[in-house]
Amino acid sequence: MKINIKRAYDDYSKEDGYRILVDRLWPRGIKKEDLKCDVWAKEIAPSSELRKWFGHESQKWDEFQKKYFKELDDKSPLFESLIADTDNEVITLIYSAKNTEQNQAVVIKRYIEDKLKL
């Protein structure tokens, strides 16, 4: 299995495979019918408290990852069913944050790769 990460505002591609929106809130300025995603997995997004605490402040990135990994551990059954729902070899995690290197999709990808030993 290959896991990609892509902003919600980037163009859709057939190579994206199974597209999972991993934001708790719907991406601003995008109509639901315009965002091609197979599932909106808002339940695996960071909690509102963690998201607000982080606020995309770079100096909080390391601590955000640790706290989010703990949240994801509590949601591991959701990951198993989410991954089982796809027959695709490719999964693309869709997010809307402006920062392409410090966002929840990056953490989710690392979490899945660590847990599934990809």
PDB file of N, CA and C in Angstrom:
ATOM      1  N   MET A   1       0.836  -1.179   0.000  1.00  0.00           N
ATOM      2  CA  MET A   1       0.000   0.000   0.000  1.00  0.00           C
ATOM      3  C   MET A   1       0.878   1.239   0.000  1.00  0.00           C
ATOM      4  N   LYS A   2       0.498   2.201  -0.815  1.00  0.00           N
ATOM      5  CA  LYS A   2       1.204   3.479  -0.872  1.00  0.00           C
ATOM      6  C   LYS A   2       0.262   4.552  -0.342  1.00  0.00           C
ATOM      7  N   ILE A   3       0.786   5.441   0.496  1.00  0.00           N
ATOM      8  CA  ILE A   3      -0.016   6.519   1.067  1.00  0.00           C
ATOM      9  C   ILE A   3       0.526   7.850   0.566  1.00  0.00           C
ATOM     10  N   ASN A   4      -0.347   8.615  -0.075  1.00  0.00           N
ATOM     11  CA  ASN A   4      -0.009   9.956  -0.544  1.00  0.00           C
ATOM     12  C   ASN A   4      -0.714  10.989   0.323  1.00  0.00           C
ATOM     13  N   ILE A   5      -0.235  12.208   0.243  1.00  0.00           N
ATOM     14  CA  ILE A   5      -0.846  13.335   0.939  1.00  0.00           C
ATOM     15  C   ILE A   5      -1.087  14.430  -0.095  1.00  0.00           C
ATOM     16  N   LYS A   6      -2.263  15.063  -0.017  1.00  0.00           N
ATOM     17  CA  LYS A   6      -2.605  16.076  -1.008  1.00  0.00           C
ATOM     18  C   LYS A   6      -3.541  17.106  -0.392  1.00  0.00           C
ATOM     19  N   ARG A   7      -3.341  18.369  -0.752  1.00  0.00           N
ATOM     20  CA  ARG A   7      -4.248  19.420  -0.279  1.00  0.00           C
ATOM     21  C   ARG A   7      -5.593  19.301  -0.984  1.00  0.00           C
ATOM     22  N   ALA A   8      -6.630  19.666  -0.284  1.00  0.00           N
ATOM     23  CA  ALA A   8      -7.985  19.627  -0.839  1.00  0.00           C
ATOM     24  C   ALA A   8      -8.107  20.556  -2.046  1.00  0.00           C
ATOM     25  N   TYR A   9      -7.244  21.549  -2.123  1.00  0.00           N
ATOM     26  CA  TYR A   9      -7.314  22.546  -3.193  1.00  0.00           C
ATOM     27  C   TYR A   9      -6.506  22.129  -4.427  1.00  0.00           C
ATOM     28  N   ASP A  10      -5.774  21.010  -4.330  1.00  0.00           N
ATOM     29  CA  ASP A  10      -5.022  20.497  -5.473  1.00  0.00           C
ATOM     30  C   ASP A  10      -5.961  19.746  -6.408  1.00  0.00           C
ATOM     31  N   ASP A  11      -5.564  19.648  -7.661  1.00  0.00           N
ATOM     32  CA  ASP A  11      -6.385  18.960  -8.654  1.00  0.00           C
ATOM     33  C   ASP A  11      -6.478  17.468  -8.362  1.00  0.00           C
ATOM     34  N   TYR A  12      -7.635  16.917  -8.663  1.00  0.00           N
ATOM     35  CA  TYR A  12      -7.878  15.482  -8.561  1.00  0.00           C
ATOM     36  C   TYR A  12      -7.076  14.755  -9.638  1.00  0.00           C
ATOM     37  N   SER A  13      -6.624  13.557  -9.305  1.00  0.00           N
ATOM     38  CA  SER A  13      -5.923  12.720 -10.259  1.00  0.00           C
ATOM     39  C   SER A  13      -6.390  11.274 -10.082  1.00  0.00           C
ATOM     40  N   LYS A  14      -6.482  10.534 -11.163  1.00  0.00           N
ATOM     41  CA  LYS A  14      -6.851   9.120 -11.076  1.00  0.00           C
ATOM     42  C   LYS A  14      -5.830   8.333 -10.257  1.00  0.00           C
ATOM     43  N   GLU A  15      -4.590   8.816 -10.236  1.00  0.00           N
ATOM     44  CA  GLU A  15      -3.523   8.143  -9.482  1.00  0.00           C
ATOM     45  C   GLU A  15      -3.682   8.307  -7.973  1.00  0.00           C
ATOM     46  N   ASP A  16      -4.639   9.131  -7.537  1.00  0.00           N
ATOM     47  CA  ASP A  16      -4.854   9.343  -6.101  1.00  0.00           C
ATOM     48  C   ASP A  16      -5.386   8.090  -5.409  1.00  0.00           C
ATOM     49  N   GLY A  17      -6.005   7.207  -6.152  1.00  0.00           N
ATOM     50  CA  GLY A  17      -6.581   6.013  -5.543  1.00  0.00           C
ATOM     51  C   GLY A  17      -7.752   6.363  -4.642  1.00  0.00           C
ATOM     52  N   TYR A  18      -7.776   5.757  -3.463  1.00  0.00           N
ATOM     53  CA  TYR A  18      -8.849   5.954  -2.487  1.00  0.00           C
ATOM     54  C   TYR A  18      -8.568   7.243  -1.727  1.00  0.00           C
ATOM     55  N   ARG A  19      -9.437   8.231  -1.872  1.00  0.00           N
ATOM     56  CA  ARG A  19      -9.209   9.564  -1.297  1.00  0.00           C
ATOM     57  C   ARG A  19      -9.975   9.727   0.014  1.00  0.00           C
ATOM     58  N   ILE A  20      -9.222  10.069   1.076  1.00  0.00           N
ATOM     59  CA  ILE A  20      -9.795  10.200   2.412  1.00  0.00           C
ATOM     60  C   ILE A  20      -9.567  11.625   2.912  1.00  0.00           C
ATOM     61  N   LEU A  21     -10.644  12.361   3.139  1.00  0.00           N
ATOM     62  CA  LEU A  21     -10.541  13.695   3.733  1.00  0.00           C
ATOM     63  C   LEU A  21     -10.342  13.519   5.228  1.00  0.00           C
ATOM     64  N   VAL A  22      -9.252  14.077   5.772  1.00  0.00           N
ATOM     65  CA  VAL A  22      -8.895  13.874   7.177  1.00  0.00           C
ATOM     66  C   VAL A  22      -9.008  15.154   8.011  1.00  0.00           C
ATOM     67  N   ASP A  23      -9.820  16.090   7.563  1.00  0.00           N
ATOM     68  CA  ASP A  23     -10.086  17.321   8.314  1.00  0.00           C
ATOM     69  C   ASP A  23     -11.355  17.156   9.137  1.00  0.00           C
ATOM     70  N   ARG A  24     -11.371  17.750  10.312  1.00  0.00           N
ATOM     71  CA  ARG A  24     -12.588  17.743  11.133  1.00  0.00           C
ATOM     72  C   ARG A  24     -13.612  18.715  10.542  1.00  0.00           C
ATOM     73  N   LEU A  25     -13.124  19.813   9.980  1.00  0.00           N
ATOM     74  CA  LEU A  25     -13.993  20.818   9.368  1.00  0.00           C
ATOM     75  C   LEU A  25     -13.885  20.715   7.851  1.00  0.00           C
ATOM     76  N   TRP A  26     -14.986  20.991   7.164  1.00  0.00           N
ATOM     77  CA  TRP A  26     -14.967  20.947   5.696  1.00  0.00           C
ATOM     78  C   TRP A  26     -14.056  22.055   5.175  1.00  0.00           C
ATOM     79  N   PRO A  27     -13.242  21.789   4.146  1.00  0.00           N
ATOM     80  CA  PRO A  27     -12.333  22.814   3.595  1.00  0.00           C
ATOM     81  C   PRO A  27     -13.097  24.039   3.086  1.00  0.00           C
ATOM     82  N   ARG A  28     -12.617  25.195   3.471  1.00  0.00           N
ATOM     83  CA  ARG A  28     -13.260  26.461   3.084  1.00  0.00           C
ATOM     84  C   ARG A  28     -13.239  26.648   1.577  1.00  0.00           C
ATOM     85  N   GLY A  29     -14.362  27.136   1.064  1.00  0.00           N
ATOM     86  CA  GLY A  29     -14.443  27.513  -0.339  1.00  0.00           C
ATOM     87  C   GLY A  29     -14.631  26.349  -1.303  1.00  0.00           C
ATOM     88  N   ILE A  30     -14.802  25.139  -0.785  1.00  0.00           N
ATOM     89  CA  ILE A  30     -14.990  23.978  -1.662  1.00  0.00           C
ATOM     90  C   ILE A  30     -16.388  23.409  -1.420  1.00  0.00           C
ATOM     91  N   LYS A  31     -17.133  23.265  -2.496  1.00  0.00           N
ATOM     92  CA  LYS A  31     -18.455  22.654  -2.387  1.00  0.00           C
ATOM     93  C   LYS A  31     -18.282  21.150  -2.209  1.00  0.00           C
ATOM     94  N   LYS A  32     -19.176  20.559  -1.447  1.00  0.00           N
ATOM     95  CA  LYS A  32     -19.078  19.113  -1.178  1.00  0.00           C
ATOM     96  C   LYS A  32     -19.098  18.302  -2.459  1.00  0.00           C
ATOM     97  N   GLU A  33     -19.864  18.739  -3.435  1.00  0.00           N
ATOM     98  CA  GLU A  33     -19.925  17.980  -4.688  1.00  0.00           C
ATOM     99  C   GLU A  33     -18.674  18.180  -5.554  1.00  0.00           C
ATOM    100  N   ASP A  34     -17.864  19.187  -5.240  1.00  0.00           N
ATOM    101  CA  ASP A  34     -16.664  19.447  -6.033  1.00  0.00           C
ATOM    102  C   ASP A  34     -15.415  18.728  -5.520  1.00  0.00           C
ATOM    103  N   LEU A  35     -15.414  18.341  -4.257  1.00  0.00           N
ATOM    104  CA  LEU A  35     -14.241  17.645  -3.712  1.00  0.00           C
ATOM    105  C   LEU A  35     -14.434  16.144  -3.902  1.00  0.00           C
ATOM    106  N   LYS A  36     -13.614  15.593  -4.719  1.00  0.00           N
ATOM    107  CA  LYS A  36     -13.703  14.157  -4.973  1.00  0.00           C
ATOM    108  C   LYS A  36     -13.001  13.424  -3.841  1.00  0.00           C
ATOM    109  N   CYS A  37     -13.798  12.880  -2.939  1.00  0.00           N
ATOM    110  CA  CYS A  37     -13.229  12.055  -1.878  1.00  0.00           C
ATOM    111  C   CYS A  37     -14.152  10.858  -1.664  1.00  0.00           C
ATOM    112  N   ASP A  38     -13.547   9.746  -1.341  1.00  0.00           N
ATOM    113  CA  ASP A  38     -14.314   8.524  -1.131  1.00  0.00           C
ATOM    114  C   ASP A  38     -14.949   8.482   0.248  1.00  0.00           C
ATOM    115  N   VAL A  39     -14.283   9.116   1.205  1.00  0.00           N
ATOM    116  CA  VAL A  39     -14.811   9.136   2.570  1.00  0.00           C
ATOM    117  C   VAL A  39     -14.283  10.370   3.292  1.00  0.00           C
ATOM    118  N   TRP A  40     -15.136  10.938   4.141  1.00  0.00           N
ATOM    119  CA  TRP A  40     -14.731  12.044   5.007  1.00  0.00           C
ATOM    120  C   TRP A  40     -14.547  11.445   6.396  1.00  0.00           C
ATOM    121  N   ALA A  41     -13.309  11.253   6.800  1.00  0.00           N
ATOM    122  CA  ALA A  41     -12.985  10.592   8.069  1.00  0.00           C
ATOM    123  C   ALA A  41     -12.703  11.622   9.155  1.00  0.00           C
ATOM    124  N   LYS A  42     -13.693  12.460   9.437  1.00  0.00           N
ATOM    125  CA  LYS A  42     -13.474  13.525  10.418  1.00  0.00           C
ATOM    126  C   LYS A  42     -13.229  12.986  11.824  1.00  0.00           C
ATOM    127  N   GLU A  43     -13.660  11.737  12.072  1.00  0.00           N
ATOM    128  CA  GLU A  43     -13.458  11.156  13.401  1.00  0.00           C
ATOM    129  C   GLU A  43     -11.991  10.837  13.693  1.00  0.00           C
ATOM    130  N   ILE A  44     -11.135  10.778  12.668  1.00  0.00           N
ATOM    131  CA  ILE A  44      -9.712  10.551  12.930  1.00  0.00           C
ATOM    132  C   ILE A  44      -8.905  11.843  12.900  1.00  0.00           C
ATOM    133  N   ALA A  45      -9.577  12.951  12.622  1.00  0.00           N
ATOM    134  CA  ALA A  45      -8.910  14.259  12.643  1.00  0.00           C
ATOM    135  C   ALA A  45      -8.548  14.602  14.096  1.00  0.00           C
ATOM    136  N   PRO A  46      -7.621  15.532  14.287  1.00  0.00           N
ATOM    137  CA  PRO A  46      -7.289  15.938  15.659  1.00  0.00           C
ATOM    138  C   PRO A  46      -8.530  16.470  16.371  1.00  0.00           C
ATOM    139  N   SER A  47      -8.596  16.259  17.670  1.00  0.00           N
ATOM    140  CA  SER A  47      -9.710  16.808  18.446  1.00  0.00           C
ATOM    141  C   SER A  47      -9.714  18.327  18.277  1.00  0.00           C
ATOM    142  N   SER A  48     -10.865  18.915  18.503  1.00  0.00           N
ATOM    143  CA  SER A  48     -10.965  20.379  18.398  1.00  0.00           C
ATOM    144  C   SER A  48     -10.001  21.053  19.363  1.00  0.00           C
ATOM    145  N   GLU A  49      -9.864  20.491  20.563  1.00  0.00           N
ATOM    146  CA  GLU A  49      -8.954  21.069  21.560  1.00  0.00           C
ATOM    147  C   GLU A  49      -7.509  21.046  21.066  1.00  0.00           C
ATOM    148  N   LEU A  50      -7.092  19.896  20.527  1.00  0.00           N
ATOM    149  CA  LEU A  50      -5.711  19.779  20.043  1.00  0.00           C
ATOM    150  C   LEU A  50      -5.484  20.676  18.830  1.00  0.00           C
ATOM    151  N   ARG A  51      -6.440  20.706  17.922  1.00  0.00           N
ATOM    152  CA  ARG A  51      -6.319  21.539  16.719  1.00  0.00           C
ATOM    153  C   ARG A  51      -6.182  23.018  17.098  1.00  0.00           C
ATOM    154  N   LYS A  52      -7.008  23.465  18.027  1.00  0.00           N
ATOM    155  CA  LYS A  52      -6.953  24.872  18.460  1.00  0.00           C
ATOM    156  C   LYS A  52      -5.661  25.172  19.208  1.00  0.00           C
ATOM    157  N   TRP A  53      -5.217  24.223  20.051  1.00  0.00           N
ATOM    158  CA  TRP A  53      -3.972  24.421  20.782  1.00  0.00           C
ATOM    159  C   TRP A  53      -2.795  24.559  19.822  1.00  0.00           C
ATOM    160  N   PHE A  54      -2.723  23.686  18.823  1.00  0.00           N
ATOM    161  CA  PHE A  54      -1.619  23.702  17.863  1.00  0.00           C
ATOM    162  C   PHE A  54      -1.629  24.995  17.048  1.00  0.00           C
ATOM    163  N   GLY A  55      -2.763  25.325  16.483  1.00  0.00           N
ATOM    164  CA  GLY A  55      -2.886  26.576  15.729  1.00  0.00           C
ATOM    165  C   GLY A  55      -1.878  26.729  14.606  1.00  0.00           C
ATOM    166  N   HIS A  56      -1.318  25.629  14.113  1.00  0.00           N
ATOM    167  CA  HIS A  56      -0.303  25.620  13.048  1.00  0.00           C
ATOM    168  C   HIS A  56       0.911  26.469  13.398  1.00  0.00           C
ATOM    169  N   GLU A  57       1.267  26.455  14.697  1.00  0.00           N
ATOM    170  CA  GLU A  57       2.467  27.157  15.160  1.00  0.00           C
ATOM    171  C   GLU A  57       3.633  26.180  15.109  1.00  0.00           C
ATOM    172  N   SER A  58       4.614  26.486  14.277  1.00  0.00           N
ATOM    173  CA  SER A  58       5.738  25.573  14.034  1.00  0.00           C
ATOM    174  C   SER A  58       6.452  25.127  15.300  1.00  0.00           C
ATOM    175  N   GLN A  59       6.573  26.016  16.278  1.00  0.00           N
ATOM    176  CA  GLN A  59       7.289  25.667  17.500  1.00  0.00           C
ATOM    177  C   GLN A  59       6.546  24.605  18.314  1.00  0.00           C
ATOM    178  N   LYS A  60       5.258  24.367  18.032  1.00  0.00           N
ATOM    179  CA  LYS A  60       4.480  23.359  18.733  1.00  0.00           C
ATOM    180  C   LYS A  60       4.409  22.034  17.964  1.00  0.00           C
ATOM    181  N   TRP A  61       5.054  21.954  16.806  1.00  0.00           N
ATOM    182  CA  TRP A  61       4.920  20.791  15.922  1.00  0.00           C
ATOM    183  C   TRP A  61       5.301  19.472  16.605  1.00  0.00           C
ATOM    184  N   ASP A  62       6.456  19.407  17.254  1.00  0.00           N
ATOM    185  CA  ASP A  62       6.897  18.156  17.886  1.00  0.00           C
ATOM    186  C   ASP A  62       5.908  17.697  18.955  1.00  0.00           C
ATOM    187  N   GLU A  63       5.458  18.621  19.768  1.00  0.00           N
ATOM    188  CA  GLU A  63       4.501  18.274  20.826  1.00  0.00           C
ATOM    189  C   GLU A  63       3.141  17.900  20.230  1.00  0.00           C
ATOM    190  N   PHE A  64       2.741  18.597  19.164  1.00  0.00           N
ATOM    191  CA  PHE A  64       1.484  18.261  18.475  1.00  0.00           C
ATOM    192  C   PHE A  64       1.516  16.817  17.990  1.00  0.00           C
ATOM    193  N   GLN A  65       2.619  16.408  17.386  1.00  0.00           N
ATOM    194  CA  GLN A  65       2.731  15.038  16.872  1.00  0.00           C
ATOM    195  C   GLN A  65       2.570  14.014  17.998  1.00  0.00           C
ATOM    196  N   LYS A  66       3.232  14.262  19.121  1.00  0.00           N
ATOM    197  CA  LYS A  66       3.143  13.336  20.254  1.00  0.00           C
ATOM    198  C   LYS A  66       1.712  13.240  20.771  1.00  0.00           C
ATOM    199  N   LYS A  67       1.083  14.395  20.949  1.00  0.00           N
ATOM    200  CA  LYS A  67      -0.284  14.405  21.464  1.00  0.00           C
ATOM    201  C   LYS A  67      -1.254  13.771  20.466  1.00  0.00           C
ATOM    202  N   TYR A  68      -1.043  14.024  19.196  1.00  0.00           N
ATOM    203  CA  TYR A  68      -1.933  13.477  18.180  1.00  0.00           C
ATOM    204  C   TYR A  68      -1.752  11.970  18.043  1.00  0.00           C
ATOM    205  N   PHE A  69      -0.520  11.487  18.164  1.00  0.00           N
ATOM    206  CA  PHE A  69      -0.279  10.036  18.137  1.00  0.00           C
ATOM    207  C   PHE A  69      -1.076   9.362  19.261  1.00  0.00           C
ATOM    208  N   LYS A  70      -1.111   9.985  20.444  1.00  0.00           N
ATOM    209  CA  LYS A  70      -1.887   9.423  21.557  1.00  0.00           C
ATOM    210  C   LYS A  70      -3.370   9.378  21.203  1.00  0.00           C
ATOM    211  N   GLU A  71      -3.874  10.448  20.587  1.00  0.00           N
ATOM    212  CA  GLU A  71      -5.276  10.447  20.161  1.00  0.00           C
ATOM    213  C   GLU A  71      -5.525   9.351  19.129  1.00  0.00           C
ATOM    214  N   LEU A  72      -4.595   9.193  18.202  1.00  0.00           N
ATOM    215  CA  LEU A  72      -4.763   8.189  17.153  1.00  0.00           C
ATOM    216  C   LEU A  72      -4.732   6.772  17.719  1.00  0.00           C
ATOM    217  N   ASP A  73      -3.941   6.554  18.764  1.00  0.00           N
ATOM    218  CA  ASP A  73      -3.917   5.237  19.404  1.00  0.00           C
ATOM    219  C   ASP A  73      -5.316   4.845  19.888  1.00  0.00           C
ATOM    220  N   ASP A  74      -6.054   5.816  20.389  1.00  0.00           N
ATOM    221  CA  ASP A  74      -7.412   5.555  20.865  1.00  0.00           C
ATOM    222  C   ASP A  74      -8.384   5.282  19.719  1.00  0.00           C
ATOM    223  N   LYS A  75      -7.987   5.658  18.520  1.00  0.00           N
ATOM    224  CA  LYS A  75      -8.859   5.510  17.348  1.00  0.00           C
ATOM    225  C   LYS A  75      -8.383   4.416  16.401  1.00  0.00           C
ATOM    226  N   SER A  76      -7.471   3.563  16.850  1.00  0.00           N
ATOM    227  CA  SER A  76      -6.899   2.561  15.950  1.00  0.00           C
ATOM    228  C   SER A  76      -7.935   1.637  15.304  1.00  0.00           C
ATOM    229  N   PRO A  77      -9.032   1.264  15.974  1.00  0.00           N
ATOM    230  CA  PRO A  77     -10.040   0.456  15.277  1.00  0.00           C
ATOM    231  C   PRO A  77     -10.633   1.167  14.051  1.00  0.00           C
ATOM    232  N   LEU A  78     -10.730   2.487  14.132  1.00  0.00           N
ATOM    233  CA  LEU A  78     -11.228   3.257  12.984  1.00  0.00           C
ATOM    234  C   LEU A  78     -10.279   3.127  11.796  1.00  0.00           C
ATOM    235  N   PHE A  79      -8.982   3.141  12.074  1.00  0.00           N
ATOM    236  CA  PHE A  79      -7.996   2.994  11.001  1.00  0.00           C
ATOM    237  C   PHE A  79      -8.104   1.634  10.341  1.00  0.00           C
ATOM    238  N   GLU A  80      -8.230   0.624  11.162  1.00  0.00           N
ATOM    239  CA  GLU A  80      -8.316  -0.730  10.623  1.00  0.00           C
ATOM    240  C   GLU A  80      -9.506  -0.877   9.690  1.00  0.00           C
ATOM    241  N   SER A  81     -10.662  -0.347  10.088  1.00  0.00           N
ATOM    242  CA  SER A  81     -11.838  -0.453   9.221  1.00  0.00           C
ATOM    243  C   SER A  81     -11.701   0.455   8.003  1.00  0.00           C
ATOM    244  N   LEU A  82     -11.091   1.609   8.179  1.00  0.00           N
ATOM    245  CA  LEU A  82     -10.895   2.535   7.061  1.00  0.00           C
ATOM    246  C   LEU A  82      -9.992   1.920   6.000  1.00  0.00           C
ATOM    247  N   ILE A  83      -8.903   1.312   6.435  1.00  0.00           N
ATOM    248  CA  ILE A  83      -7.965   0.681   5.516  1.00  0.00           C
ATOM    249  C   ILE A  83      -8.605  -0.557   4.883  1.00  0.00           C
ATOM    250  N   ALA A  84      -9.376  -1.299   5.662  1.00  0.00           N
ATOM    251  CA  ALA A  84     -10.036  -2.503   5.139  1.00  0.00           C
ATOM    252  C   ALA A  84     -11.085  -2.158   4.090  1.00  0.00           C
ATOM    253  N   ASP A  85     -11.637  -0.937   4.163  1.00  0.00           N
ATOM    254  CA  ASP A  85     -12.672  -0.515   3.213  1.00  0.00           C
ATOM    255  C   ASP A  85     -12.129  -0.293   1.810  1.00  0.00           C
ATOM    256  N   THR A  86     -10.836  -0.193   1.669  1.00  0.00           N
ATOM    257  CA  THR A  86     -10.258   0.078   0.354  1.00  0.00           C
ATOM    258  C   THR A  86      -9.574  -1.157  -0.211  1.00  0.00           C
ATOM    259  N   ASP A  87      -9.820  -1.379  -1.472  1.00  0.00           N
ATOM    260  CA  ASP A  87      -9.120  -2.446  -2.183  1.00  0.00           C
ATOM    261  C   ASP A  87      -7.929  -1.874  -2.941  1.00  0.00           C
ATOM    262  N   ASN A  88      -7.781  -0.565  -2.858  1.00  0.00           N
ATOM    263  CA  ASN A  88      -6.755   0.120  -3.636  1.00  0.00           C
ATOM    264  C   ASN A  88      -5.379  -0.057  -3.024  1.00  0.00           C
ATOM    265  N   GLU A  89      -4.407  -0.030  -3.886  1.00  0.00           N
ATOM    266  CA  GLU A  89      -3.019  -0.046  -3.445  1.00  0.00           C
ATOM    267  C   GLU A  89      -2.564   1.351  -3.053  1.00  0.00           C
ATOM    268  N   VAL A  90      -3.339   2.361  -3.458  1.00  0.00           N
ATOM    269  CA  VAL A  90      -2.975   3.752  -3.198  1.00  0.00           C
ATOM    270  C   VAL A  90      -4.080   4.429  -2.389  1.00  0.00           C
ATOM    271  N   ILE A  91      -3.665   5.097  -1.324  1.00  0.00           N
ATOM    272  CA  ILE A  91      -4.569   5.911  -0.515  1.00  0.00           C
ATOM    273  C   ILE A  91      -4.003   7.328  -0.528  1.00  0.00           C
ATOM    274  N   THR A  92      -4.871   8.304  -0.700  1.00  0.00           N
ATOM    275  CA  THR A  92      -4.448   9.703  -0.625  1.00  0.00           C
ATOM    276  C   THR A  92      -5.199  10.380   0.505  1.00  0.00           C
ATOM    277  N   LEU A  93      -4.440  10.906   1.468  1.00  0.00           N
ATOM    278  CA  LEU A  93      -5.006  11.646   2.583  1.00  0.00           C
ATOM    279  C   LEU A  93      -5.168  13.097   2.153  1.00  0.00           C
ATOM    280  N   ILE A  94      -6.382  13.596   2.227  1.00  0.00           N
ATOM    281  CA  ILE A  94      -6.704  14.951   1.778  1.00  0.00           C
ATOM    282  C   ILE A  94      -6.840  15.857   3.006  1.00  0.00           C
ATOM    283  N   TYR A  95      -6.195  17.016   2.968  1.00  0.00           N
ATOM    284  CA  TYR A  95      -6.242  17.980   4.071  1.00  0.00           C
ATOM    285  C   TYR A  95      -6.340  19.378   3.479  1.00  0.00           C
ATOM    286  N   SER A  96      -6.663  20.373   4.314  1.00  0.00           N
ATOM    287  CA  SER A  96      -6.815  21.727   3.777  1.00  0.00           C
ATOM    288  C   SER A  96      -5.816  22.743   4.333  1.00  0.00           C
ATOM    289  N   ALA A  97      -5.009  22.373   5.291  1.00  0.00           N
ATOM    290  CA  ALA A  97      -4.051  23.314   5.889  1.00  0.00           C
ATOM    291  C   ALA A  97      -3.104  23.884   4.834  1.00  0.00           C
ATOM    292  N   LYS A  98      -2.667  25.116   5.053  1.00  0.00           N
ATOM    293  CA  LYS A  98      -1.732  25.751   4.123  1.00  0.00           C
ATOM    294  C   LYS A  98      -0.335  25.153   4.229  1.00  0.00           C
ATOM    295  N   ASN A  99       0.049  24.771   5.433  1.00  0.00           N
ATOM    296  CA  ASN A  99       1.385  24.215   5.657  1.00  0.00           C
ATOM    297  C   ASN A  99       1.413  22.769   5.170  1.00  0.00           C
ATOM    298  N   THR A 100       2.222  22.514   4.167  1.00  0.00           N
ATOM    299  CA  THR A 100       2.266  21.180   3.560  1.00  0.00           C
ATOM    300  C   THR A 100       3.167  20.203   4.313  1.00  0.00           C
ATOM    301  N   GLU A 101       3.930  20.688   5.278  1.00  0.00           N
ATOM    302  CA  GLU A 101       4.859  19.829   6.002  1.00  0.00           C
ATOM    303  C   GLU A 101       4.454  19.577   7.445  1.00  0.00           C
ATOM    304  N   GLN A 102       3.613  20.445   7.998  1.00  0.00           N
ATOM    305  CA  GLN A 102       3.200  20.314   9.393  1.00  0.00           C
ATOM    306  C   GLN A 102       1.674  20.372   9.469  1.00  0.00           C
ATOM    307  N   ASN A 103       1.061  19.209   9.251  1.00  0.00           N
ATOM    308  CA  ASN A 103      -0.394  19.106   9.306  1.00  0.00           C
ATOM    309  C   ASN A 103      -0.779  17.693   9.724  1.00  0.00           C
ATOM    310  N   GLN A 104      -2.057  17.496   9.998  1.00  0.00           N
ATOM    311  CA  GLN A 104      -2.511  16.198  10.507  1.00  0.00           C
ATOM    312  C   GLN A 104      -2.317  15.068   9.505  1.00  0.00           C
ATOM    313  N   ALA A 105      -2.390  15.340   8.213  1.00  0.00           N
ATOM    314  CA  ALA A 105      -2.210  14.279   7.213  1.00  0.00           C
ATOM    315  C   ALA A 105      -0.804  13.698   7.285  1.00  0.00           C
ATOM    316  N   VAL A 106       0.181  14.537   7.537  1.00  0.00           N
ATOM    317  CA  VAL A 106       1.564  14.071   7.678  1.00  0.00           C
ATOM    318  C   VAL A 106       1.661  13.116   8.869  1.00  0.00           C
ATOM    319  N   VAL A 107       1.014  13.475   9.975  1.00  0.00           N
ATOM    320  CA  VAL A 107       1.049  12.638  11.170  1.00  0.00           C
ATOM    321  C   VAL A 107       0.287  11.338  10.927  1.00  0.00           C
ATOM    322  N   ILE A 108      -0.868  11.422  10.287  1.00  0.00           N
ATOM    323  CA  ILE A 108      -1.667  10.218  10.017  1.00  0.00           C
ATOM    324  C   ILE A 108      -0.893   9.259   9.121  1.00  0.00           C
ATOM    325  N   LYS A 109      -0.245   9.788   8.104  1.00  0.00           N
ATOM    326  CA  LYS A 109       0.544   8.938   7.209  1.00  0.00           C
ATOM    327  C   LYS A 109       1.624   8.206   7.998  1.00  0.00           C
ATOM    328  N   ARG A 110       2.359   8.938   8.806  1.00  0.00           N
ATOM    329  CA  ARG A 110       3.418   8.330   9.610  1.00  0.00           C
ATOM    330  C   ARG A 110       2.846   7.304  10.583  1.00  0.00           C
ATOM    331  N   TYR A 111       1.720   7.620  11.166  1.00  0.00           N
ATOM    332  CA  TYR A 111       1.072   6.710  12.114  1.00  0.00           C
ATOM    333  C   TYR A 111       0.688   5.394  11.422  1.00  0.00           C
ATOM    334  N   ILE A 112       0.052   5.488  10.260  1.00  0.00           N
ATOM    335  CA  ILE A 112      -0.349   4.283   9.530  1.00  0.00           C
ATOM    336  C   ILE A 112       0.881   3.476   9.115  1.00  0.00           C
ATOM    337  N   GLU A 113       1.890   4.162   8.600  1.00  0.00           N
ATOM    338  CA  GLU A 113       3.109   3.458   8.172  1.00  0.00           C
ATOM    339  C   GLU A 113       3.777   2.764   9.360  1.00  0.00           C
ATOM    340  N   ASP A 114       3.809   3.419  10.516  1.00  0.00           N
ATOM    341  CA  ASP A 114       4.406   2.805  11.718  1.00  0.00           C
ATOM    342  C   ASP A 114       3.599   1.609  12.183  1.00  0.00           C
ATOM    343  N   LYS A 115       2.293   1.771  12.242  1.00  0.00           N
ATOM    344  CA  LYS A 115       1.425   0.715  12.770  1.00  0.00           C
ATOM    345  C   LYS A 115       1.318  -0.479  11.822  1.00  0.00           C
ATOM    346  N   LEU A 116       1.298  -0.185  10.525  1.00  0.00           N
ATOM    347  CA  LEU A 116       1.152  -1.265   9.537  1.00  0.00           C
ATOM    348  C   LEU A 116       2.485  -1.744   8.998  1.00  0.00           C
ATOM    349  N   LYS A 117       3.556  -1.109   9.465  1.00  0.00           N
ATOM    350  CA  LYS A 117       4.924  -1.457   9.027  1.00  0.00           C
ATOM    351  C   LYS A 117       5.058  -1.395   7.506  1.00  0.00           C
ATOM    352  N   LEU A 118       4.571  -0.289   6.930  1.00  0.00           N
ATOM    353  CA  LEU A 118       4.646  -0.113   5.464  1.00  0.00           C
ATOM    354  C   LEU A 118       6.017   0.399   5.064  1.00  0.00           C
TER     355      LEU A 118
END
